[in-house]
Amino acid sequence: MASSISTHSLLVVRSSRSSSYPPSPPIFSLENSKRKCNNHTKFPTGVRKINRKCRAMVQQTVQGPSAAYAKEMERLSAKESLLLAFKDAGGFEGLITGKTTDMQQIDVNERIVGLEKLNPTPRPTTSPYLEGRWNFEWFGSGSPGLAAAKFLFERFPLAIANLSKLDVVIKDGYAKISASVKLFNSIESSFIVSTKLSVEGPLRMKEEYIEGLFESPKVNEESIPEQLRGTFGQAVSTMQQLPVPIKDAVAGGLKVPLGGSVSRLFMISYLDEEILIIRDSSGVPEVLTRLDPGPSPLAEPITEYES
């Protein structure tokens, strides 16, 4: 009996002492948590323990923006790493001239895969970022573009023939692929392929080749080597003697109709405002970098699909 009374008195004294003092910050915080969660445990000593479930909910709210920021920093780092790998491998010229080593190629391919995993555009085929002017930076092994470029450089040294640029313009469902070749560093000729693009899904597109055009060569007479100036003068004289319809046809370039007889399927595995990565049906990657500022991200996306 004495023990019971003593314990009761101790509890009364503790209660009266707590009422005569203002509540401490920890007690106020616990009472606050009680109102929000209403999920706590009260011990006989008066100490309250917040349920771990409530604490986890608070942590998730705080860490959400930090996780998104960390992922964006990872993507930017992966993109910068890929661009540096291109430079270390010798760029486009090193690739088509065969100077890029197997180790450099596998390093670039590894970084391509790493960046594709961080693709920020879930529906790239209908994104406004797809339109614009793009420059080819990299071809995977087995790519038709790489094979054509290597065919040229394996038969002609750089002093005779040089692929000065290879780019593509995408606009309103069509694409124009331009390859410019410079001969003897003075005669520049371009070959343009026009294609039609059909959206077949969020990632997949179909490309149909419509027409090829060999543009008339543009000559910088001051850059022509001395030993070729006589030949060049004879060619110019011959052109001037041609009938007007033929001269106009030659001046307009040589068109090769393709009529959609050649086509291919490809998938866009990565797209942002600066880099475009596509893979053909065999999985070979092509990496392009933007040459123009590009459209506004607020532009209306394409929503229709063709099967």
C-alpha atoms as a PDB file:
ATOM      1  CA  MET A   1       0.000   0.000   0.000  1.00  0.00           C
ATOM      2  CA  ALA A   2       2.814   2.412   0.887  1.00  0.00           C
ATOM      3  CA  SER A   3       4.538   1.711  -2.347  1.00  0.00           C
ATOM      4  CA  SER A   4       1.387   2.457  -4.311  1.00  0.00           C
ATOM      5  CA  ILE A   5       0.798   5.783  -2.537  1.00  0.00           C
ATOM      6  CA  SER A   6       4.420   6.815  -3.039  1.00  0.00           C
ATOM      7  CA  THR A   7       4.264   6.171  -6.733  1.00  0.00           C
ATOM      8  CA  HIS A   8       1.028   8.108  -7.063  1.00  0.00           C
ATOM      9  CA  SER A   9       2.550  11.071  -5.250  1.00  0.00           C
ATOM     10  CA  LEU A  10       5.569  11.014  -7.509  1.00  0.00           C
ATOM     11  CA  LEU A  11       3.355  11.179 -10.577  1.00  0.00           C
ATOM     12  CA  VAL A  12       1.369  14.068  -9.120  1.00  0.00           C
ATOM     13  CA  VAL A  13       4.520  16.024  -8.341  1.00  0.00           C
ATOM     14  CA  ARG A  14       5.854  15.479 -11.837  1.00  0.00           C
ATOM     15  CA  SER A  15       2.573  16.582 -13.350  1.00  0.00           C
ATOM     16  CA  SER A  16       2.402  19.756 -11.280  1.00  0.00           C
ATOM     17  CA  ARG A  17       6.021  20.590 -12.075  1.00  0.00           C
ATOM     18  CA  SER A  18       5.430  20.272 -15.792  1.00  0.00           C
ATOM     19  CA  SER A  19       2.375  22.523 -15.629  1.00  0.00           C
ATOM     20  CA  SER A  20       4.307  25.263 -13.849  1.00  0.00           C
ATOM     21  CA  TYR A  21       6.959  25.457 -16.547  1.00  0.00           C
ATOM     22  CA  PRO A  22       6.441  26.350 -20.198  1.00  0.00           C
ATOM     23  CA  PRO A  23       6.612  23.294 -22.530  1.00  0.00           C
ATOM     24  CA  SER A  24      10.045  22.571 -23.981  1.00  0.00           C
ATOM     25  CA  PRO A  25      10.562  22.600 -27.742  1.00  0.00           C
ATOM     26  CA  PRO A  26      10.825  18.793 -28.016  1.00  0.00           C
ATOM     27  CA  ILE A  27       7.446  18.313 -26.259  1.00  0.00           C
ATOM     28  CA  PHE A  28       5.871  20.959 -28.521  1.00  0.00           C
ATOM     29  CA  SER A  29       7.299  19.255 -31.612  1.00  0.00           C
ATOM     30  CA  LEU A  30       5.935  15.887 -30.507  1.00  0.00           C
ATOM     31  CA  GLU A  31       2.486  17.313 -29.816  1.00  0.00           C
ATOM     32  CA  ASN A  32       2.587  18.946 -33.268  1.00  0.00           C
ATOM     33  CA  SER A  33       3.429  15.614 -34.848  1.00  0.00           C
ATOM     34  CA  LYS A  34       0.555  14.049 -32.931  1.00  0.00           C
ATOM     35  CA  ARG A  35      -1.934  16.393 -34.560  1.00  0.00           C
ATOM     36  CA  LYS A  36      -0.629  15.736 -38.073  1.00  0.00           C
ATOM     37  CA  CYS A  37      -0.096  11.996 -37.918  1.00  0.00           C
ATOM     38  CA  ASN A  38      -2.219  10.935 -34.914  1.00  0.00           C
ATOM     39  CA  ASN A  39      -0.041   7.833 -34.961  1.00  0.00           C
ATOM     40  CA  HIS A  40       2.277   7.743 -31.951  1.00  0.00           C
ATOM     41  CA  THR A  41       2.997   5.652 -28.857  1.00  0.00           C
ATOM     42  CA  LYS A  42       2.746   7.058 -25.310  1.00  0.00           C
ATOM     43  CA  PHE A  43       4.885   5.479 -22.606  1.00  0.00           C
ATOM     44  CA  PRO A  44       4.121   5.610 -18.829  1.00  0.00           C
ATOM     45  CA  THR A  45       6.953   8.091 -18.340  1.00  0.00           C
ATOM     46  CA  GLY A  46       5.164  10.634 -20.490  1.00  0.00           C
ATOM     47  CA  VAL A  47       7.637  10.373 -23.396  1.00  0.00           C
ATOM     48  CA  ARG A  48       6.077  10.011 -26.825  1.00  0.00           C
ATOM     49  CA  LYS A  49       7.614   8.232 -29.786  1.00  0.00           C
ATOM     50  CA  ILE A  50       6.598   9.211 -33.277  1.00  0.00           C
ATOM     51  CA  ASN A  51       5.780   6.308 -35.567  1.00  0.00           C
ATOM     52  CA  ARG A  52       8.539   5.627 -38.125  1.00  0.00           C
ATOM     53  CA  LYS A  53       5.965   5.694 -40.932  1.00  0.00           C
ATOM     54  CA  CYS A  54       5.283   9.403 -40.369  1.00  0.00           C
ATOM     55  CA  ARG A  55       9.004  10.230 -40.353  1.00  0.00           C
ATOM     56  CA  ALA A  56       9.503   8.417 -43.670  1.00  0.00           C
ATOM     57  CA  MET A  57       6.740  10.470 -45.289  1.00  0.00           C
ATOM     58  CA  VAL A  58       8.469  13.705 -44.243  1.00  0.00           C
ATOM     59  CA  GLN A  59      11.819  12.511 -45.591  1.00  0.00           C
ATOM     60  CA  GLN A  60      10.300  11.554 -48.935  1.00  0.00           C
ATOM     61  CA  THR A  61       8.823  15.035 -49.367  1.00  0.00           C
ATOM     62  CA  VAL A  62      12.150  16.701 -48.630  1.00  0.00           C
ATOM     63  CA  GLN A  63      14.290  14.399 -50.800  1.00  0.00           C
ATOM     64  CA  GLY A  64      12.075  14.475 -53.932  1.00  0.00           C
ATOM     65  CA  PRO A  65      13.500  17.635 -55.545  1.00  0.00           C
ATOM     66  CA  SER A  66      17.026  16.628 -54.570  1.00  0.00           C
ATOM     67  CA  ALA A  67      16.645  13.287 -56.373  1.00  0.00           C
ATOM     68  CA  ALA A  68      15.414  15.009 -59.556  1.00  0.00           C
ATOM     69  CA  TYR A  69      18.295  17.470 -59.401  1.00  0.00           C
ATOM     70  CA  ALA A  70      20.812  14.659 -58.943  1.00  0.00           C
ATOM     71  CA  LYS A  71      19.406  12.786 -61.951  1.00  0.00           C
ATOM     72  CA  GLU A  72      19.624  15.902 -64.118  1.00  0.00           C
ATOM     73  CA  MET A  73      23.236  16.459 -63.059  1.00  0.00           C
ATOM     74  CA  GLU A  74      23.977  12.819 -63.938  1.00  0.00           C
ATOM     75  CA  ARG A  75      22.484  13.325 -67.413  1.00  0.00           C
ATOM     76  CA  LEU A  76      24.473  16.486 -68.095  1.00  0.00           C
ATOM     77  CA  SER A  77      27.651  14.780 -66.920  1.00  0.00           C
ATOM     78  CA  ALA A  78      26.993  11.780 -69.189  1.00  0.00           C
ATOM     79  CA  LYS A  79      26.399  14.078 -72.153  1.00  0.00           C
ATOM     80  CA  GLU A  80      29.608  16.012 -71.553  1.00  0.00           C
ATOM     81  CA  SER A  81      31.485  12.738 -71.160  1.00  0.00           C
ATOM     82  CA  LEU A  82      30.204  11.531 -74.550  1.00  0.00           C
ATOM     83  CA  LEU A  83      31.245  14.738 -76.323  1.00  0.00           C
ATOM     84  CA  LEU A  84      34.723  14.473 -74.808  1.00  0.00           C
ATOM     85  CA  ALA A  85      34.936  10.841 -75.943  1.00  0.00           C
ATOM     86  CA  PHE A  86      34.163  11.974 -79.521  1.00  0.00           C
ATOM     87  CA  LYS A  87      37.014  14.451 -79.341  1.00  0.00           C
ATOM     88  CA  ASP A  88      39.451  11.904 -77.905  1.00  0.00           C
ATOM     89  CA  ALA A  89      38.542   9.462 -80.694  1.00  0.00           C
ATOM     90  CA  GLY A  90      39.393  12.002 -83.404  1.00  0.00           C
ATOM     91  CA  GLY A  91      35.850  13.038 -84.170  1.00  0.00           C
ATOM     92  CA  PHE A  92      34.046  12.330 -87.421  1.00  0.00           C
ATOM     93  CA  GLU A  93      37.225  12.567 -89.498  1.00  0.00           C
ATOM     94  CA  GLY A  94      39.079  10.101 -87.308  1.00  0.00           C
ATOM     95  CA  LEU A  95      36.205   7.651 -87.607  1.00  0.00           C
ATOM     96  CA  ILE A  96      35.841   7.692 -91.399  1.00  0.00           C
ATOM     97  CA  THR A  97      39.591   7.687 -92.059  1.00  0.00           C
ATOM     98  CA  GLY A  98      40.063   4.626 -89.872  1.00  0.00           C
ATOM     99  CA  LYS A  99      42.292   6.365 -87.313  1.00  0.00           C
ATOM    100  CA  THR A 100      39.940   5.641 -84.419  1.00  0.00           C
ATOM    101  CA  THR A 101      41.128   2.615 -82.423  1.00  0.00           C
ATOM    102  CA  ASP A 102      38.943  -0.265 -81.245  1.00  0.00           C
ATOM    103  CA  MET A 103      39.408   0.895 -77.646  1.00  0.00           C
ATOM    104  CA  GLN A 104      38.189   4.395 -78.514  1.00  0.00           C
ATOM    105  CA  GLN A 105      35.179   3.021 -80.389  1.00  0.00           C
ATOM    106  CA  ILE A 106      34.088   0.771 -77.532  1.00  0.00           C
ATOM    107  CA  ASP A 107      34.580   3.679 -75.108  1.00  0.00           C
ATOM    108  CA  VAL A 108      32.294   5.898 -77.201  1.00  0.00           C
ATOM    109  CA  ASN A 109      29.685   3.130 -77.537  1.00  0.00           C
ATOM    110  CA  GLU A 110      29.715   2.582 -73.786  1.00  0.00           C
ATOM    111  CA  ARG A 111      29.054   6.271 -73.180  1.00  0.00           C
ATOM    112  CA  ILE A 112      26.272   6.265 -75.784  1.00  0.00           C
ATOM    113  CA  VAL A 113      24.490   3.476 -73.897  1.00  0.00           C
ATOM    114  CA  GLY A 114      24.969   5.333 -70.622  1.00  0.00           C
ATOM    115  CA  LEU A 115      23.382   8.500 -72.007  1.00  0.00           C
ATOM    116  CA  GLU A 116      20.468   6.635 -73.607  1.00  0.00           C
ATOM    117  CA  LYS A 117      19.438   5.373 -70.162  1.00  0.00           C
ATOM    118  CA  LEU A 118      18.933   9.005 -69.091  1.00  0.00           C
ATOM    119  CA  ASN A 119      16.763  10.060 -72.045  1.00  0.00           C
ATOM    120  CA  PRO A 120      14.680  13.065 -70.847  1.00  0.00           C
ATOM    121  CA  THR A 121      12.167  12.896 -73.744  1.00  0.00           C
ATOM    122  CA  PRO A 122       9.639  10.035 -73.371  1.00  0.00           C
ATOM    123  CA  ARG A 123       8.046  10.603 -76.821  1.00  0.00           C
ATOM    124  CA  PRO A 124      10.884  11.881 -79.037  1.00  0.00           C
ATOM    125  CA  THR A 125       9.171  11.190 -82.378  1.00  0.00           C
ATOM    126  CA  THR A 126       6.577  13.898 -81.642  1.00  0.00           C
ATOM    127  CA  SER A 127       8.847  16.286 -79.745  1.00  0.00           C
ATOM    128  CA  PRO A 128       9.460  19.776 -81.176  1.00  0.00           C
ATOM    129  CA  TYR A 129      13.164  19.234 -80.414  1.00  0.00           C
ATOM    130  CA  LEU A 130      13.381  16.766 -83.330  1.00  0.00           C
ATOM    131  CA  GLU A 131      13.076  19.471 -85.980  1.00  0.00           C
ATOM    132  CA  GLY A 132      16.116  21.493 -86.968  1.00  0.00           C
ATOM    133  CA  ARG A 133      19.540  21.118 -88.517  1.00  0.00           C
ATOM    134  CA  TRP A 134      21.735  18.308 -87.172  1.00  0.00           C
ATOM    135  CA  ASN A 135      25.349  17.378 -87.788  1.00  0.00           C
ATOM    136  CA  PHE A 136      26.490  13.748 -87.882  1.00  0.00           C
ATOM    137  CA  GLU A 137      29.077  13.164 -85.156  1.00  0.00           C
ATOM    138  CA  TRP A 138      29.308   9.392 -84.975  1.00  0.00           C
ATOM    139  CA  PHE A 139      28.393   6.262 -86.918  1.00  0.00           C
ATOM    140  CA  GLY A 140      28.349   2.790 -85.428  1.00  0.00           C
ATOM    141  CA  SER A 141      30.078  -0.105 -87.171  1.00  0.00           C
ATOM    142  CA  GLY A 142      27.985  -1.317 -90.098  1.00  0.00           C
ATOM    143  CA  SER A 143      26.254   2.022 -90.700  1.00  0.00           C
ATOM    144  CA  PRO A 144      25.601   2.756 -94.428  1.00  0.00           C
ATOM    145  CA  GLY A 145      26.826   6.332 -93.956  1.00  0.00           C
ATOM    146  CA  LEU A 146      30.106   5.150 -92.449  1.00  0.00           C
ATOM    147  CA  ALA A 147      30.584   2.581 -95.218  1.00  0.00           C
ATOM    148  CA  ALA A 148      30.057   5.223 -97.941  1.00  0.00           C
ATOM    149  CA  ALA A 149      32.455   7.666 -96.273  1.00  0.00           C
ATOM    150  CA  LYS A 150      35.130   5.005 -95.837  1.00  0.00           C
ATOM    151  CA  PHE A 151      34.726   3.964 -99.487  1.00  0.00           C
ATOM    152  CA  LEU A 152      35.542   7.515-100.552  1.00  0.00           C
ATOM    153  CA  PHE A 153      38.557   7.988 -98.290  1.00  0.00           C
ATOM    154  CA  GLU A 154      40.049   4.569 -98.924  1.00  0.00           C
ATOM    155  CA  ARG A 155      40.327   5.357-102.640  1.00  0.00           C
ATOM    156  CA  PHE A 156      41.248   9.019-102.533  1.00  0.00           C
ATOM    157  CA  PRO A 157      43.728  10.693-100.165  1.00  0.00           C
ATOM    158  CA  LEU A 158      42.654  13.771 -98.214  1.00  0.00           C
ATOM    159  CA  ALA A 159      44.616  16.008-100.579  1.00  0.00           C
ATOM    160  CA  ILE A 160      42.314  14.939-103.439  1.00  0.00           C
ATOM    161  CA  ALA A 161      38.924  14.348-101.815  1.00  0.00           C
ATOM    162  CA  ASN A 162      37.612  15.459 -98.445  1.00  0.00           C
ATOM    163  CA  LEU A 163      34.148  15.058 -96.950  1.00  0.00           C
ATOM    164  CA  SER A 164      33.718  18.574 -95.600  1.00  0.00           C
ATOM    165  CA  LYS A 165      30.296  18.121 -93.958  1.00  0.00           C
ATOM    166  CA  LEU A 166      27.460  15.666 -93.462  1.00  0.00           C
ATOM    167  CA  ASP A 167      24.263  17.022 -91.954  1.00  0.00           C
ATOM    168  CA  VAL A 168      20.489  16.648 -92.050  1.00  0.00           C
ATOM    169  CA  VAL A 169      17.621  19.135 -91.859  1.00  0.00           C
ATOM    170  CA  ILE A 170      14.346  17.821 -90.387  1.00  0.00           C
ATOM    171  CA  LYS A 171      11.212  19.876 -90.973  1.00  0.00           C
ATOM    172  CA  ASP A 172       7.477  19.137 -91.284  1.00  0.00           C
ATOM    173  CA  GLY A 173       7.864  15.382 -91.619  1.00  0.00           C
ATOM    174  CA  TYR A 174      10.662  15.520 -94.217  1.00  0.00           C
ATOM    175  CA  ALA A 175      14.437  15.295 -94.014  1.00  0.00           C
ATOM    176  CA  LYS A 176      17.229  16.454 -96.330  1.00  0.00           C
ATOM    177  CA  ILE A 177      20.584  14.749 -95.859  1.00  0.00           C
ATOM    178  CA  SER A 178      23.481  16.724 -97.359  1.00  0.00           C
ATOM    179  CA  ALA A 179      26.986  15.415 -97.996  1.00  0.00           C
ATOM    180  CA  SER A 180      29.559  17.911 -99.283  1.00  0.00           C
ATOM    181  CA  VAL A 181      32.759  16.667-100.914  1.00  0.00           C
ATOM    182  CA  LYS A 182      35.663  18.972-101.709  1.00  0.00           C
ATOM    183  CA  LEU A 183      38.032  17.944-104.524  1.00  0.00           C
ATOM    184  CA  PHE A 184      41.597  19.294-104.698  1.00  0.00           C
ATOM    185  CA  ASN A 185      40.543  21.753-101.980  1.00  0.00           C
ATOM    186  CA  SER A 186      38.953  23.922-104.683  1.00  0.00           C
ATOM    187  CA  ILE A 187      35.954  22.119-106.201  1.00  0.00           C
ATOM    188  CA  GLU A 188      33.008  21.510-103.879  1.00  0.00           C
ATOM    189  CA  SER A 189      30.076  19.316-104.798  1.00  0.00           C
ATOM    190  CA  SER A 190      27.089  18.241-102.735  1.00  0.00           C
ATOM    191  CA  PHE A 191      24.803  15.244-102.845  1.00  0.00           C
ATOM    192  CA  ILE A 192      21.385  15.696-101.230  1.00  0.00           C
ATOM    193  CA  VAL A 193      18.942  12.922-100.379  1.00  0.00           C
ATOM    194  CA  SER A 194      15.329  13.868 -99.626  1.00  0.00           C
ATOM    195  CA  THR A 195      13.316  11.530 -97.404  1.00  0.00           C
ATOM    196  CA  LYS A 196       9.843  11.353 -95.905  1.00  0.00           C
ATOM    197  CA  LEU A 197       9.493  10.599 -92.196  1.00  0.00           C
ATOM    198  CA  SER A 198       6.461   8.766 -90.799  1.00  0.00           C
ATOM    199  CA  VAL A 199       5.823   8.543 -87.065  1.00  0.00           C
ATOM    200  CA  GLU A 200       4.934   4.981 -86.073  1.00  0.00           C
ATOM    201  CA  GLY A 201       5.111   5.229 -82.300  1.00  0.00           C
ATOM    202  CA  PRO A 202       6.662   7.137 -79.397  1.00  0.00           C
ATOM    203  CA  LEU A 203      10.176   5.963 -80.364  1.00  0.00           C
ATOM    204  CA  ARG A 204       9.912   4.457 -83.848  1.00  0.00           C
ATOM    205  CA  MET A 205       9.900   6.173 -87.254  1.00  0.00           C
ATOM    206  CA  LYS A 206       9.944   5.086 -90.892  1.00  0.00           C
ATOM    207  CA  GLU A 207      12.139   6.867 -93.433  1.00  0.00           C
ATOM    208  CA  GLU A 208      11.362   6.631 -97.181  1.00  0.00           C
ATOM    209  CA  TYR A 209      13.914   7.898 -99.706  1.00  0.00           C
ATOM    210  CA  ILE A 210      12.205  10.105-102.296  1.00  0.00           C
ATOM    211  CA  GLU A 211      14.905  11.753-104.402  1.00  0.00           C
ATOM    212  CA  GLY A 212      18.642  12.174-104.782  1.00  0.00           C
ATOM    213  CA  LEU A 213      20.266  15.312-106.181  1.00  0.00           C
ATOM    214  CA  PHE A 214      23.831  15.841-107.392  1.00  0.00           C
ATOM    215  CA  GLU A 215      24.372  19.586-107.224  1.00  0.00           C
ATOM    216  CA  SER A 216      26.576  21.332-109.763  1.00  0.00           C
ATOM    217  CA  PRO A 217      30.151  21.736-108.532  1.00  0.00           C
ATOM    218  CA  LYS A 218      31.179  25.086-107.093  1.00  0.00           C
ATOM    219  CA  VAL A 219      34.688  26.025-108.083  1.00  0.00           C
ATOM    220  CA  ASN A 220      37.108  28.342-106.335  1.00  0.00           C
ATOM    221  CA  GLU A 221      39.419  29.201-109.252  1.00  0.00           C
ATOM    222  CA  GLU A 222      42.067  30.726-107.013  1.00  0.00           C
ATOM    223  CA  SER A 223      42.511  27.428-105.183  1.00  0.00           C
ATOM    224  CA  ILE A 224      42.891  25.250-108.296  1.00  0.00           C
ATOM    225  CA  PRO A 225      46.385  23.728-108.508  1.00  0.00           C
ATOM    226  CA  GLU A 226      48.551  25.092-111.334  1.00  0.00           C
ATOM    227  CA  GLN A 227      48.779  21.724-113.105  1.00  0.00           C
ATOM    228  CA  LEU A 228      44.961  21.488-113.316  1.00  0.00           C
ATOM    229  CA  ARG A 229      44.128  24.985-114.503  1.00  0.00           C
ATOM    230  CA  GLY A 230      44.485  24.056-118.179  1.00  0.00           C
ATOM    231  CA  THR A 231      42.075  21.145-117.813  1.00  0.00           C
ATOM    232  CA  PHE A 232      39.661  23.309-115.888  1.00  0.00           C
ATOM    233  CA  GLY A 233      39.737  25.989-118.620  1.00  0.00           C
ATOM    234  CA  GLN A 234      38.893  23.398-121.265  1.00  0.00           C
ATOM    235  CA  ALA A 235      35.953  22.105-119.223  1.00  0.00           C
ATOM    236  CA  VAL A 236      34.558  25.596-118.791  1.00  0.00           C
ATOM    237  CA  SER A 237      34.881  26.269-122.521  1.00  0.00           C
ATOM    238  CA  THR A 238      33.032  23.037-123.321  1.00  0.00           C
ATOM    239  CA  MET A 239      30.200  23.907-120.959  1.00  0.00           C
ATOM    240  CA  GLN A 240      29.703  27.273-122.578  1.00  0.00           C
ATOM    241  CA  GLN A 241      29.231  25.629-125.972  1.00  0.00           C
ATOM    242  CA  LEU A 242      26.392  23.386-124.796  1.00  0.00           C
ATOM    243  CA  PRO A 243      22.755  24.206-125.762  1.00  0.00           C
ATOM    244  CA  VAL A 244      20.879  26.363-123.285  1.00  0.00           C
ATOM    245  CA  PRO A 245      18.453  23.596-122.093  1.00  0.00           C
ATOM    246  CA  ILE A 246      21.380  21.289-121.316  1.00  0.00           C
ATOM    247  CA  LYS A 247      23.304  24.031-119.561  1.00  0.00           C
ATOM    248  CA  ASP A 248      20.248  24.833-117.430  1.00  0.00           C
ATOM    249  CA  ALA A 249      19.795  21.162-116.565  1.00  0.00           C
ATOM    250  CA  VAL A 250      23.444  20.830-115.585  1.00  0.00           C
ATOM    251  CA  ALA A 251      23.316  24.046-113.582  1.00  0.00           C
ATOM    252  CA  GLY A 252      20.267  22.762-111.688  1.00  0.00           C
ATOM    253  CA  GLY A 253      22.018  19.518-110.797  1.00  0.00           C
ATOM    254  CA  LEU A 254      21.305  15.907-111.630  1.00  0.00           C
ATOM    255  CA  LYS A 255      18.175  14.503-110.002  1.00  0.00           C
ATOM    256  CA  VAL A 256      17.757  10.819-109.282  1.00  0.00           C
ATOM    257  CA  PRO A 257      14.119   9.888-108.492  1.00  0.00           C
ATOM    258  CA  LEU A 258      13.836   7.160-105.889  1.00  0.00           C
ATOM    259  CA  GLY A 259      10.059   7.101-105.442  1.00  0.00           C
ATOM    260  CA  GLY A 260      10.139   5.633-101.967  1.00  0.00           C
ATOM    261  CA  SER A 261      11.518   2.344-103.278  1.00  0.00           C
ATOM    262  CA  VAL A 262      14.140   2.405-100.512  1.00  0.00           C
ATOM    263  CA  SER A 263      13.138   2.775 -96.883  1.00  0.00           C
ATOM    264  CA  ARG A 264      14.270   1.941 -93.382  1.00  0.00           C
ATOM    265  CA  LEU A 265      12.964   1.824 -89.815  1.00  0.00           C
ATOM    266  CA  PHE A 266      14.816   3.481 -86.980  1.00  0.00           C
ATOM    267  CA  MET A 267      14.308   4.221 -83.300  1.00  0.00           C
ATOM    268  CA  ILE A 268      15.119   7.435 -81.447  1.00  0.00           C
ATOM    269  CA  SER A 269      16.837   6.309 -78.252  1.00  0.00           C
ATOM    270  CA  TYR A 270      17.803   9.781 -76.975  1.00  0.00           C
ATOM    271  CA  LEU A 271      16.729  13.349 -77.699  1.00  0.00           C
ATOM    272  CA  ASP A 272      17.245  16.694 -76.007  1.00  0.00           C
ATOM    273  CA  GLU A 273      17.897  20.243 -77.209  1.00  0.00           C
ATOM    274  CA  GLU A 274      21.484  19.402 -78.261  1.00  0.00           C
ATOM    275  CA  ILE A 275      21.920  15.681 -79.006  1.00  0.00           C
ATOM    276  CA  LEU A 276      19.973  13.151 -81.098  1.00  0.00           C
ATOM    277  CA  ILE A 277      20.743   9.412 -81.016  1.00  0.00           C
ATOM    278  CA  ILE A 278      19.034   6.977 -83.374  1.00  0.00           C
ATOM    279  CA  ARG A 279      19.416   3.246 -83.933  1.00  0.00           C
ATOM    280  CA  ASP A 280      18.467   1.339 -87.079  1.00  0.00           C
ATOM    281  CA  SER A 281      16.760  -2.056 -87.167  1.00  0.00           C
ATOM    282  CA  SER A 282      20.081  -3.808 -86.505  1.00  0.00           C
ATOM    283  CA  GLY A 283      20.787  -1.616 -83.458  1.00  0.00           C
ATOM    284  CA  VAL A 284      23.637   0.415 -84.993  1.00  0.00           C
ATOM    285  CA  PRO A 285      23.771   3.907 -83.384  1.00  0.00           C
ATOM    286  CA  GLU A 286      24.108   7.271 -85.098  1.00  0.00           C
ATOM    287  CA  VAL A 287      24.795  10.353 -82.972  1.00  0.00           C
ATOM    288  CA  LEU A 288      23.978  13.873 -84.181  1.00  0.00           C
ATOM    289  CA  THR A 289      24.500  17.291 -82.589  1.00  0.00           C
ATOM    290  CA  ARG A 290      22.338  20.339 -83.250  1.00  0.00           C
ATOM    291  CA  LEU A 291      23.688  23.108 -85.484  1.00  0.00           C
ATOM    292  CA  ASP A 292      20.880  25.662 -85.081  1.00  0.00           C
ATOM    293  CA  PRO A 293      19.211  27.052 -81.947  1.00  0.00           C
ATOM    294  CA  GLY A 294      16.244  24.743 -82.452  1.00  0.00           C
ATOM    295  CA  PRO A 295      12.537  25.336 -81.793  1.00  0.00           C
ATOM    296  CA  SER A 296      11.025  26.474 -78.531  1.00  0.00           C
ATOM    297  CA  PRO A 297      10.155  23.646 -76.123  1.00  0.00           C
ATOM    298  CA  LEU A 298       6.685  25.211 -75.860  1.00  0.00           C
ATOM    299  CA  ALA A 299       5.931  24.345 -79.502  1.00  0.00           C
ATOM    300  CA  GLU A 300       3.019  21.993 -80.122  1.00  0.00           C
ATOM    301  CA  PRO A 301       4.105  18.346 -80.555  1.00  0.00           C
ATOM    302  CA  ILE A 302       2.850  16.054 -83.329  1.00  0.00           C
ATOM    303  CA  THR A 303       0.180  13.694 -82.033  1.00  0.00           C
ATOM    304  CA  GLU A 304      -0.826  11.639 -85.098  1.00  0.00           C
ATOM    305  CA  TYR A 305       0.734   8.265 -85.842  1.00  0.00           C
ATOM    306  CA  GLU A 306       0.903   6.319 -89.064  1.00  0.00           C
ATOM    307  CA  SER A 307       0.937   2.550 -89.091  1.00  0.00           C
END
